C-alpha atoms as a PDB file:
ATOM      1  CA  MET A   1      12.384  19.859 -66.730  1.00  0.00           C
ATOM      2  CA  ALA A   2      14.750  18.222 -63.962  1.00  0.00           C
ATOM      3  CA  HIS A   3      13.278  18.454 -60.688  1.00  0.00           C
ATOM      4  CA  HIS A   4      15.881  19.545 -58.127  1.00  0.00           C
ATOM      5  CA  GLY A   5      15.506  19.147 -54.042  1.00  0.00           C
ATOM      6  CA  LYS A   6      15.615  21.677 -51.610  1.00  0.00           C
ATOM      7  CA  LYS A   7      19.573  21.253 -50.796  1.00  0.00           C
ATOM      8  CA  TYR A   8      20.469  21.727 -54.630  1.00  0.00           C
ATOM      9  CA  ARG A   9      18.296  24.816 -55.054  1.00  0.00           C
ATOM     10  CA  ALA A  10      19.881  26.285 -51.630  1.00  0.00           C
ATOM     11  CA  VAL A  11      23.308  25.544 -53.141  1.00  0.00           C
ATOM     12  CA  ARG A  12      22.344  27.094 -56.705  1.00  0.00           C
ATOM     13  CA  GLU A  13      20.797  30.532 -54.791  1.00  0.00           C
ATOM     14  CA  LYS A  14      24.293  31.265 -53.673  1.00  0.00           C
ATOM     15  CA  LEU A  15      25.701  31.130 -57.078  1.00  0.00           C
ATOM     16  CA  ASP A  16      26.140  33.860 -59.961  1.00  0.00           C
ATOM     17  CA  PRO A  17      25.161  32.036 -63.033  1.00  0.00           C
ATOM     18  CA  ALA A  18      27.448  34.406 -64.993  1.00  0.00           C
ATOM     19  CA  ALA A  19      30.575  33.776 -62.512  1.00  0.00           C
ATOM     20  CA  VAL A  20      33.740  32.090 -64.037  1.00  0.00           C
ATOM     21  CA  TRP A  21      35.611  30.349 -61.210  1.00  0.00           C
ATOM     22  CA  GLU A  22      39.439  29.617 -60.615  1.00  0.00           C
ATOM     23  CA  LEU A  23      39.443  25.822 -59.951  1.00  0.00           C
ATOM     24  CA  GLU A  24      40.793  25.613 -56.545  1.00  0.00           C
ATOM     25  CA  LYS A  25      37.814  28.325 -55.527  1.00  0.00           C
ATOM     26  CA  ALA A  26      35.224  26.141 -57.428  1.00  0.00           C
ATOM     27  CA  LEU A  27      36.438  23.235 -55.500  1.00  0.00           C
ATOM     28  CA  GLU A  28      36.406  24.864 -52.311  1.00  0.00           C
ATOM     29  CA  PHE A  29      32.627  25.895 -52.961  1.00  0.00           C
ATOM     30  CA  LEU A  30      31.554  22.505 -53.802  1.00  0.00           C
ATOM     31  CA  LYS A  31      33.220  20.720 -50.518  1.00  0.00           C
ATOM     32  CA  ASN A  32      31.680  23.724 -48.457  1.00  0.00           C
ATOM     33  CA  ASN A  33      28.192  23.591 -49.994  1.00  0.00           C
ATOM     34  CA  LYS A  34      27.446  19.837 -50.175  1.00  0.00           C
ATOM     35  CA  ALA A  35      23.982  18.796 -51.582  1.00  0.00           C
ATOM     36  CA  SER A  36      24.032  15.299 -50.140  1.00  0.00           C
ATOM     37  CA  LYS A  37      24.950  13.660 -46.890  1.00  0.00           C
ATOM     38  CA  PHE A  38      26.953  10.964 -48.824  1.00  0.00           C
ATOM     39  CA  ASP A  39      30.745  11.449 -50.261  1.00  0.00           C
ATOM     40  CA  GLU A  40      29.667  12.851 -53.620  1.00  0.00           C
ATOM     41  CA  THR A  41      31.919  12.530 -56.559  1.00  0.00           C
ATOM     42  CA  ALA A  42      33.709  15.140 -58.149  1.00  0.00           C
ATOM     43  CA  GLU A  43      32.813  15.768 -62.118  1.00  0.00           C
ATOM     44  CA  LEU A  44      34.331  17.568 -64.788  1.00  0.00           C
ATOM     45  CA  ALA A  45      32.011  18.500 -67.635  1.00  0.00           C
ATOM     46  CA  ILE A  46      33.709  20.010 -71.203  1.00  0.00           C
ATOM     47  CA  ARG A  47      32.130  21.257 -74.150  1.00  0.00           C
ATOM     48  CA  LEU A  48      34.362  20.289 -77.223  1.00  0.00           C
ATOM     49  CA  GLY A  49      34.652  22.106 -80.397  1.00  0.00           C
ATOM     50  CA  VAL A  50      34.510  19.196 -82.846  1.00  0.00           C
ATOM     51  CA  ASP A  51      32.119  17.850 -85.437  1.00  0.00           C
ATOM     52  CA  PRO A  52      30.674  14.872 -83.380  1.00  0.00           C
ATOM     53  CA  ALA A  53      29.274  13.589 -86.872  1.00  0.00           C
ATOM     54  CA  LYS A  54      32.839  13.241 -87.888  1.00  0.00           C
ATOM     55  CA  SER A  55      34.287   9.830 -86.768  1.00  0.00           C
ATOM     56  CA  GLU A  56      37.982  11.541 -87.348  1.00  0.00           C
ATOM     57  CA  GLN A  57      36.952  13.869 -84.437  1.00  0.00           C
ATOM     58  CA  MET A  58      35.987  11.415 -82.084  1.00  0.00           C
ATOM     59  CA  VAL A  59      37.791  12.032 -78.678  1.00  0.00           C
ATOM     60  CA  ARG A  60      38.582   9.160 -76.554  1.00  0.00           C
ATOM     61  CA  GLY A  61      41.413   8.141 -74.206  1.00  0.00           C
ATOM     62  CA  THR A  62      42.302   7.357 -70.719  1.00  0.00           C
ATOM     63  CA  VAL A  63      44.085   9.574 -67.781  1.00  0.00           C
ATOM     64  CA  ALA A  64      45.751   8.381 -64.657  1.00  0.00           C
ATOM     65  CA  LEU A  65      44.722  10.240 -61.608  1.00  0.00           C
ATOM     66  CA  PRO A  66      47.569  11.077 -59.569  1.00  0.00           C
ATOM     67  CA  ASN A  67      45.339  10.827 -56.430  1.00  0.00           C
ATOM     68  CA  GLY A  68      43.132   8.056 -57.522  1.00  0.00           C
ATOM     69  CA  THR A  69      39.360   7.973 -57.722  1.00  0.00           C
ATOM     70  CA  GLY A  70      38.193   7.405 -54.320  1.00  0.00           C
ATOM     71  CA  LYS A  71      36.152   4.230 -55.562  1.00  0.00           C
ATOM     72  CA  LYS A  72      36.993   0.647 -55.411  1.00  0.00           C
ATOM     73  CA  VAL A  73      37.147  -0.243 -59.035  1.00  0.00           C
ATOM     74  CA  ARG A  74      35.918  -3.242 -60.150  1.00  0.00           C
ATOM     75  CA  VAL A  75      37.927  -5.200 -63.050  1.00  0.00           C
ATOM     76  CA  LEU A  76      37.128  -7.880 -65.133  1.00  0.00           C
ATOM     77  CA  VAL A  77      39.485  -9.649 -67.698  1.00  0.00           C
ATOM     78  CA  PHE A  78      38.750 -11.937 -70.714  1.00  0.00           C
ATOM     79  CA  ALA A  79      41.934 -14.156 -70.802  1.00  0.00           C
ATOM     80  CA  LYS A  80      43.282 -17.641 -70.374  1.00  0.00           C
ATOM     81  CA  GLY A  81      46.668 -19.152 -69.570  1.00  0.00           C
ATOM     82  CA  PRO A  82      49.423 -16.868 -68.159  1.00  0.00           C
ATOM     83  CA  PRO A  83      47.858 -13.455 -69.061  1.00  0.00           C
ATOM     84  CA  ALA A  84      44.897 -14.809 -67.105  1.00  0.00           C
ATOM     85  CA  ASP A  85      47.302 -16.110 -63.981  1.00  0.00           C
ATOM     86  CA  ALA A  86      48.648 -12.393 -64.216  1.00  0.00           C
ATOM     87  CA  ALA A  87      45.673 -10.780 -64.050  1.00  0.00           C
ATOM     88  CA  LYS A  88      44.688 -12.745 -60.906  1.00  0.00           C
ATOM     89  CA  GLU A  89      48.152 -11.953 -59.165  1.00  0.00           C
ATOM     90  CA  ALA A  90      47.370  -8.252 -59.881  1.00  0.00           C
ATOM     91  CA  GLY A  91      44.176  -8.303 -58.239  1.00  0.00           C
ATOM     92  CA  ALA A  92      41.525  -8.749 -60.998  1.00  0.00           C
ATOM     93  CA  ASP A  93      37.946  -9.280 -59.389  1.00  0.00           C
ATOM     94  CA  GLU A  94      36.783 -11.628 -62.412  1.00  0.00           C
ATOM     95  CA  ILE A  95      38.789 -13.525 -64.652  1.00  0.00           C
ATOM     96  CA  GLY A  96      37.717 -16.030 -67.585  1.00  0.00           C
ATOM     97  CA  PHE A  97      37.308 -16.792 -71.297  1.00  0.00           C
ATOM     98  CA  GLU A  98      34.471 -18.384 -72.783  1.00  0.00           C
ATOM     99  CA  GLU A  99      32.555 -19.155 -69.730  1.00  0.00           C
ATOM    100  CA  LEU A 100      32.745 -15.205 -68.859  1.00  0.00           C
ATOM    101  CA  VAL A 101      31.848 -14.482 -72.133  1.00  0.00           C
ATOM    102  CA  ALA A 102      28.630 -16.284 -72.018  1.00  0.00           C
ATOM    103  CA  LYS A 103      27.958 -15.013 -68.498  1.00  0.00           C
ATOM    104  CA  VAL A 104      28.151 -11.531 -70.066  1.00  0.00           C
ATOM    105  CA  ALA A 105      26.113 -12.105 -73.009  1.00  0.00           C
ATOM    106  CA  GLY A 106      23.551 -13.263 -70.644  1.00  0.00           C
ATOM    107  CA  GLY A 107      23.449  -9.667 -69.106  1.00  0.00           C
ATOM    108  CA  TYR A 108      26.010  -9.691 -66.555  1.00  0.00           C
ATOM    109  CA  THR A 109      27.816  -6.189 -66.045  1.00  0.00           C
ATOM    110  CA  ASP A 110      28.603  -5.986 -62.498  1.00  0.00           C
ATOM    111  CA  PHE A 111      32.269  -4.388 -63.052  1.00  0.00           C
ATOM    112  CA  ASP A 112      33.622  -0.955 -63.556  1.00  0.00           C
ATOM    113  CA  VAL A 113      36.410  -1.949 -66.418  1.00  0.00           C
ATOM    114  CA  ALA A 114      36.687  -4.751 -68.882  1.00  0.00           C
ATOM    115  CA  VAL A 115      40.209  -5.848 -70.037  1.00  0.00           C
ATOM    116  CA  ALA A 116      40.918  -8.536 -72.727  1.00  0.00           C
ATOM    117  CA  THR A 117      43.769 -10.029 -74.546  1.00  0.00           C
ATOM    118  CA  PRO A 118      43.912  -9.596 -78.168  1.00  0.00           C
ATOM    119  CA  GLU A 119      43.443 -13.423 -78.419  1.00  0.00           C
ATOM    120  CA  ALA A 120      40.182 -13.155 -76.393  1.00  0.00           C
ATOM    121  CA  MET A 121      38.954  -9.968 -78.507  1.00  0.00           C
ATOM    122  CA  LYS A 122      37.714 -12.399 -81.085  1.00  0.00           C
ATOM    123  CA  GLU A 123      35.034 -13.591 -78.886  1.00  0.00           C
ATOM    124  CA  VAL A 124      34.547 -10.402 -76.710  1.00  0.00           C
ATOM    125  CA  ARG A 125      33.718  -8.404 -80.013  1.00  0.00           C
ATOM    126  CA  LYS A 126      30.556 -10.482 -79.898  1.00  0.00           C
ATOM    127  CA  LEU A 127      29.159  -8.702 -76.699  1.00  0.00           C
ATOM    128  CA  GLY A 128      29.374  -5.331 -78.381  1.00  0.00           C
ATOM    129  CA  LYS A 129      25.377  -4.931 -77.658  1.00  0.00           C
ATOM    130  CA  VAL A 130      25.984  -5.731 -74.069  1.00  0.00           C
ATOM    131  CA  LEU A 131      29.333  -3.949 -73.480  1.00  0.00           C
ATOM    132  CA  GLY A 132      28.973  -0.909 -76.260  1.00  0.00           C
ATOM    133  CA  PRO A 133      26.103   1.141 -74.664  1.00  0.00           C
ATOM    134  CA  ARG A 134      27.489   1.104 -70.975  1.00  0.00           C
ATOM    135  CA  GLY A 135      31.157   1.954 -72.239  1.00  0.00           C
ATOM    136  CA  LEU A 136      32.723  -1.141 -71.139  1.00  0.00           C
ATOM    137  CA  MET A 137      34.082  -2.847 -74.507  1.00  0.00           C
ATOM    138  CA  PRO A 138      37.842  -3.059 -74.053  1.00  0.00           C
ATOM    139  CA  ASN A 139      39.513  -1.134 -76.771  1.00  0.00           C
ATOM    140  CA  PRO A 140      43.341  -0.557 -77.570  1.00  0.00           C
ATOM    141  CA  LYS A 141      43.261   2.992 -77.407  1.00  0.00           C
ATOM    142  CA  THR A 142      42.309   2.921 -73.690  1.00  0.00           C
ATOM    143  CA  GLY A 143      45.130   0.273 -72.868  1.00  0.00           C
ATOM    144  CA  THR A 144      42.291  -2.364 -71.909  1.00  0.00           C
ATOM    145  CA  VAL A 145      43.132  -4.737 -74.974  1.00  0.00           C
ATOM    146  CA  THR A 146      46.600  -5.970 -74.164  1.00  0.00           C
ATOM    147  CA  ASP A 147      48.503  -9.214 -73.267  1.00  0.00           C
ATOM    148  CA  ASP A 148      49.927  -7.218 -70.420  1.00  0.00           C
ATOM    149  CA  THR A 149      46.961  -7.942 -68.179  1.00  0.00           C
ATOM    150  CA  ALA A 150      48.868  -7.118 -64.825  1.00  0.00           C
ATOM    151  CA  ALA A 151      49.698  -3.628 -65.925  1.00  0.00           C
ATOM    152  CA  ALA A 152      46.263  -3.010 -67.174  1.00  0.00           C
ATOM    153  CA  VAL A 153      44.476  -4.039 -63.936  1.00  0.00           C
ATOM    154  CA  LYS A 154      47.019  -2.596 -61.677  1.00  0.00           C
ATOM    155  CA  ALA A 155      46.518   1.104 -63.959  1.00  0.00           C
ATOM    156  CA  CYS A 156      42.697   0.556 -63.492  1.00  0.00           C
ATOM    157  CA  LYS A 157      42.951  -0.124 -59.884  1.00  0.00           C
ATOM    158  CA  ALA A 158      45.157   2.932 -59.218  1.00  0.00           C
ATOM    159  CA  GLY A 159      42.871   5.311 -60.483  1.00  0.00           C
ATOM    160  CA  ARG A 160      43.064   5.354 -64.612  1.00  0.00           C
ATOM    161  CA  VAL A 161      39.423   6.499 -65.865  1.00  0.00           C
ATOM    162  CA  GLU A 162      38.275   6.762 -69.057  1.00  0.00           C
ATOM    163  CA  PHE A 163      36.683   9.757 -71.093  1.00  0.00           C
ATOM    164  CA  ARG A 164      34.875   9.602 -74.220  1.00  0.00           C
ATOM    165  CA  MET A 165      32.821  12.236 -75.923  1.00  0.00           C
ATOM    166  CA  ASP A 166      29.082  11.737 -76.397  1.00  0.00           C
ATOM    167  CA  ARG A 167      27.255  12.393 -79.432  1.00  0.00           C
ATOM    168  CA  ASN A 168      26.902  16.088 -78.624  1.00  0.00           C
ATOM    169  CA  GLY A 169      30.309  16.777 -78.311  1.00  0.00           C
ATOM    170  CA  ASN A 170      30.469  16.829 -74.636  1.00  0.00           C
ATOM    171  CA  VAL A 171      32.905  14.860 -72.242  1.00  0.00           C
ATOM    172  CA  LEU A 172      32.121  14.138 -68.560  1.00  0.00           C
ATOM    173  CA  VAL A 173      34.718  12.950 -66.201  1.00  0.00           C
ATOM    174  CA  PRO A 174      34.550  12.023 -62.494  1.00  0.00           C
ATOM    175  CA  PHE A 175      38.035  12.736 -60.960  1.00  0.00           C
ATOM    176  CA  GLY A 176      37.846  12.265 -57.164  1.00  0.00           C
ATOM    177  CA  LYS A 177      35.195  12.681 -54.177  1.00  0.00           C
ATOM    178  CA  LEU A 178      34.445  15.755 -52.112  1.00  0.00           C
ATOM    179  CA  SER A 179      35.972  14.204 -49.314  1.00  0.00           C
ATOM    180  CA  PHE A 180      39.513  14.742 -51.023  1.00  0.00           C
ATOM    181  CA  SER A 181      41.750  17.810 -50.134  1.00  0.00           C
ATOM    182  CA  VAL A 182      41.223  20.602 -52.392  1.00  0.00           C
ATOM    183  CA  GLU A 183      44.689  20.335 -53.586  1.00  0.00           C
ATOM    184  CA  ALA A 184      44.231  16.201 -54.434  1.00  0.00           C
ATOM    185  CA  LEU A 185      40.992  17.517 -56.343  1.00  0.00           C
ATOM    186  CA  ALA A 186      42.811  20.342 -58.269  1.00  0.00           C
ATOM    187  CA  GLU A 187      45.541  18.028 -59.220  1.00  0.00           C
ATOM    188  CA  ASN A 188      43.037  15.109 -60.617  1.00  0.00           C
ATOM    189  CA  CYS A 189      41.401  17.922 -62.552  1.00  0.00           C
ATOM    190  CA  ARG A 190      44.411  19.403 -64.116  1.00  0.00           C
ATOM    191  CA  ALA A 191      45.549  15.981 -65.326  1.00  0.00           C
ATOM    192  CA  VAL A 192      42.125  15.244 -66.735  1.00  0.00           C
ATOM    193  CA  LEU A 193      42.385  18.496 -68.600  1.00  0.00           C
ATOM    194  CA  THR A 194      45.527  17.898 -69.817  1.00  0.00           C
ATOM    195  CA  ALA A 195      44.819  14.660 -71.269  1.00  0.00           C
ATOM    196  CA  ILE A 196      41.785  15.787 -73.008  1.00  0.00           C
ATOM    197  CA  SER A 197      43.894  18.666 -74.536  1.00  0.00           C
ATOM    198  CA  ALA A 198      46.362  16.386 -75.669  1.00  0.00           C
ATOM    199  CA  ALA A 199      43.856  14.290 -77.445  1.00  0.00           C
ATOM    200  CA  ARG A 200      42.515  16.897 -79.607  1.00  0.00           C
ATOM    201  CA  PRO A 201      41.894  15.748 -83.405  1.00  0.00           C
ATOM    202  CA  ALA A 202      44.425  17.042 -86.146  1.00  0.00           C
ATOM    203  CA  THR A 203      41.182  17.610 -88.184  1.00  0.00           C
ATOM    204  CA  ALA A 204      39.605  19.859 -85.319  1.00  0.00           C
ATOM    205  CA  LYS A 205      39.517  23.714 -86.095  1.00  0.00           C
ATOM    206  CA  GLY A 206      39.158  26.545 -83.715  1.00  0.00           C
ATOM    207  CA  ILE A 207      38.613  26.655 -80.270  1.00  0.00           C
ATOM    208  CA  PHE A 208      38.861  23.188 -78.965  1.00  0.00           C
ATOM    209  CA  ILE A 209      37.790  23.420 -75.109  1.00  0.00           C
ATOM    210  CA  LYS A 210      34.942  25.658 -75.446  1.00  0.00           C
ATOM    211  CA  ARG A 211      33.877  25.437 -71.891  1.00  0.00           C
ATOM    212  CA  CYS A 212      34.273  23.442 -68.945  1.00  0.00           C
ATOM    213  CA  THR A 213      32.530  23.097 -65.675  1.00  0.00           C
ATOM    214  CA  VAL A 214      32.857  21.401 -62.283  1.00  0.00           C
ATOM    215  CA  SER A 215      29.963  19.765 -59.909  1.00  0.00           C
ATOM    216  CA  SER A 216      29.267  17.174 -57.512  1.00  0.00           C
ATOM    217  CA  THR A 217      27.210  14.324 -57.976  1.00  0.00           C
ATOM    218  CA  MET A 218      24.026  16.182 -56.594  1.00  0.00           C
ATOM    219  CA  GLY A 219      25.006  19.771 -56.943  1.00  0.00           C
ATOM    220  CA  PRO A 220      25.090  22.555 -59.895  1.00  0.00           C
ATOM    221  CA  GLY A 221      27.974  23.361 -62.160  1.00  0.00           C
ATOM    222  CA  LEU A 222      30.411  26.079 -61.786  1.00  0.00           C
ATOM    223  CA  ARG A 223      31.876  27.193 -64.580  1.00  0.00           C
ATOM    224  CA  LEU A 224      35.744  27.472 -64.748  1.00  0.00           C
ATOM    225  CA  ASP A 225      38.333  29.683 -66.208  1.00  0.00           C
ATOM    226  CA  PHE A 226      39.770  27.226 -68.322  1.00  0.00           C
ATOM    227  CA  LYS A 227      43.127  28.676 -68.890  1.00  0.00           C
ATOM    228  CA  GLU A 228      43.777  29.346 -65.068  1.00  0.00           C
ATOM    229  CA  ALA A 229      42.621  25.653 -64.360  1.00  0.00           C
ATOM    230  CA  ALA A 230      44.758  24.158 -67.280  1.00  0.00           C
ATOM    231  CA  ALA A 231      47.952  26.092 -65.867  1.00  0.00           C
END
């Protein structure tokens, strides 16, 4: 059983476990009842009505947050030639090819997003054991395998986040900082809900989004009224 601190318990005691919240009111509660001194991240947790054992029902994609993430995103790019130059011009934090592949193979993962050209992926695929478990492997479905490295870097820096279902059918997506206004957080959260709804697999049956909860990094979760939140 997880052990929670006094601040967490104090916030949780204010909540009715059976309550279902409107999005803006839930965000106001989180902002007014912080469980730590640092600027916590607002997170959306969703329980999906899919069969995680079926590969065709995997849910994965990206969403551009209208108001950014509030976090400096470190972008690494595997490329050479003009795509490498374009990535540098766009503000990539680290760029390279063979030598960078070797560096990451040695355990280097001090970055938030990895982008690769299709050419570079021939070598980057060898990094599956390093990048895969950390969710850092470039993927065409998320726009991180592309020759247009400049656009990919700019999108990642501007606030594009990736979502991916875990083996239990859950998705957890950060969508801003508690220092954001309620309006900015709500707009970001609705963008995430829209993107995940649009990613529904064709073979999924019944209710797709079964439950969604918002929380802060250190705080308890508040169950949302999905129909209201997605409106």
